[in-house]
Amino acid sequence: MDGLELARLAVSAAEDKKAEDIVLLDLRNISGVADYFVICSGNVSRQIDAIADNIQEMLKAEDKTIKRRVEGPGDSGWVLLDYGDLVVH
């Protein structure tokens, strides 16, 4: 599965948990850090955790070899999921 397909799957997983203001940015020509960046919002820490958990579960189900790094607890108001070519915040 390529980076764009993973990014679209992350968007779908965020939508499933009612994330708001979802944006998918294509950074391939402007950043060496990641190819795609997904940004979305949740209203409360419980929703932020649910969004992050759903994204992680759906991406892992699709690609068992995918590596990830997670930063920030949901109760801080933000979570960052780093999948190398895809970053979700």
Protein backbone atom coordinates (compact mmCIF):
# COMPACT_ATOMS: atom_id res chain seq x y z
CA MET A 1 0.00 0.00 0.00
CA ASP A 2 1.46 3.36 -0.98
CA GLY A 3 1.59 6.52 1.15
CA LEU A 4 -1.44 8.15 -0.45
CA GLU A 5 -3.61 5.08 0.16
CA LEU A 6 -2.48 5.01 3.81
CA ALA A 7 -3.23 8.72 4.14
CA ARG A 8 -6.72 8.25 2.70
CA LEU A 9 -7.29 5.34 5.07
CA ALA A 10 -6.22 7.56 7.99
CA VAL A 11 -8.72 10.20 6.83
CA SER A 12 -11.47 7.56 6.65
CA ALA A 13 -10.60 6.30 10.15
CA ALA A 14 -10.73 9.87 11.50
CA GLU A 15 -14.10 10.44 9.81
CA ASP A 16 -15.44 7.26 11.45
CA LYS A 17 -14.82 8.85 14.86
CA LYS A 18 -16.35 12.20 13.85
CA ALA A 19 -13.08 14.13 13.57
CA GLU A 20 -13.52 17.70 12.38
CA ASP A 21 -11.60 19.97 10.01
CA ILE A 22 -9.80 17.06 8.33
CA VAL A 23 -7.06 18.11 5.92
CA LEU A 24 -4.82 15.85 3.82
CA LEU A 25 -1.67 17.60 2.64
CA ASP A 26 0.56 16.27 -0.14
CA LEU A 27 4.11 17.24 0.85
CA ARG A 28 6.05 15.12 -1.65
CA ASN A 29 7.51 18.08 -3.52
CA ILE A 30 8.13 20.36 -0.54
CA SER A 31 9.25 18.25 2.43
CA GLY A 32 11.84 15.60 3.10
CA VAL A 33 10.21 14.70 6.41
CA ALA A 34 6.99 13.06 5.17
CA ASP A 35 5.09 12.61 1.92
CA TYR A 36 1.64 13.13 3.44
CA PHE A 37 0.34 14.95 6.49
CA VAL A 38 -3.18 14.50 7.85
CA ILE A 39 -4.49 17.09 10.29
CA CYS A 40 -7.78 16.78 12.14
CA SER A 41 -9.49 17.95 15.31
CA GLY A 42 -11.47 16.41 18.15
CA ASN A 43 -13.55 18.21 20.75
CA VAL A 44 -12.53 16.41 23.96
CA SER A 45 -9.65 14.17 25.06
CA ARG A 46 -11.80 11.03 24.85
CA GLN A 47 -12.61 11.78 21.21
CA ILE A 48 -8.97 12.59 20.40
CA ASP A 49 -7.91 9.23 21.86
CA ALA A 50 -10.67 7.44 19.92
CA ILE A 51 -9.60 9.08 16.65
CA ALA A 52 -5.94 8.17 17.22
CA ASP A 53 -6.79 4.61 18.26
CA ASN A 54 -9.03 4.06 15.24
CA ILE A 55 -6.38 5.36 12.84
CA GLN A 56 -3.77 3.07 14.39
CA GLU A 57 -6.07 0.03 14.27
CA MET A 58 -7.16 0.59 10.66
CA LEU A 59 -3.63 1.20 9.38
CA LYS A 60 -2.26 -1.84 11.23
CA ALA A 61 -5.09 -4.02 9.89
CA GLU A 62 -4.25 -2.90 6.36
CA ASP A 63 -0.45 -3.18 6.65
CA LYS A 64 0.86 -5.50 9.37
CA THR A 65 4.47 -4.34 8.80
CA ILE A 66 3.81 -0.63 9.26
CA LYS A 67 5.97 1.00 11.91
CA ARG A 68 4.63 3.85 13.99
CA ARG A 69 5.66 6.27 16.65
CA VAL A 70 3.12 8.02 18.88
CA GLU A 71 3.68 11.32 20.66
CA GLY A 72 1.39 13.14 23.08
CA PRO A 73 -1.44 11.78 25.16
CA GLY A 74 -5.00 12.71 24.14
CA ASP A 75 -5.59 14.55 27.41
CA SER A 76 -2.91 17.05 26.37
CA GLY A 77 -5.14 18.13 23.49
CA TRP A 78 -2.98 16.63 20.74
CA VAL A 79 -1.59 13.35 19.42
CA LEU A 80 0.97 12.85 16.67
CA LEU A 81 1.19 9.54 14.78
CA ASP A 82 4.38 9.13 12.76
CA TYR A 83 4.36 6.43 10.07
CA GLY A 84 7.43 7.66 8.21
CA ASP A 85 5.96 8.83 4.92
CA LEU A 86 2.67 9.68 6.69
CA VAL A 87 2.25 11.90 9.72
CA VAL A 88 -1.14 12.37 11.42
CA HIS A 89 -1.74 15.17 13.91
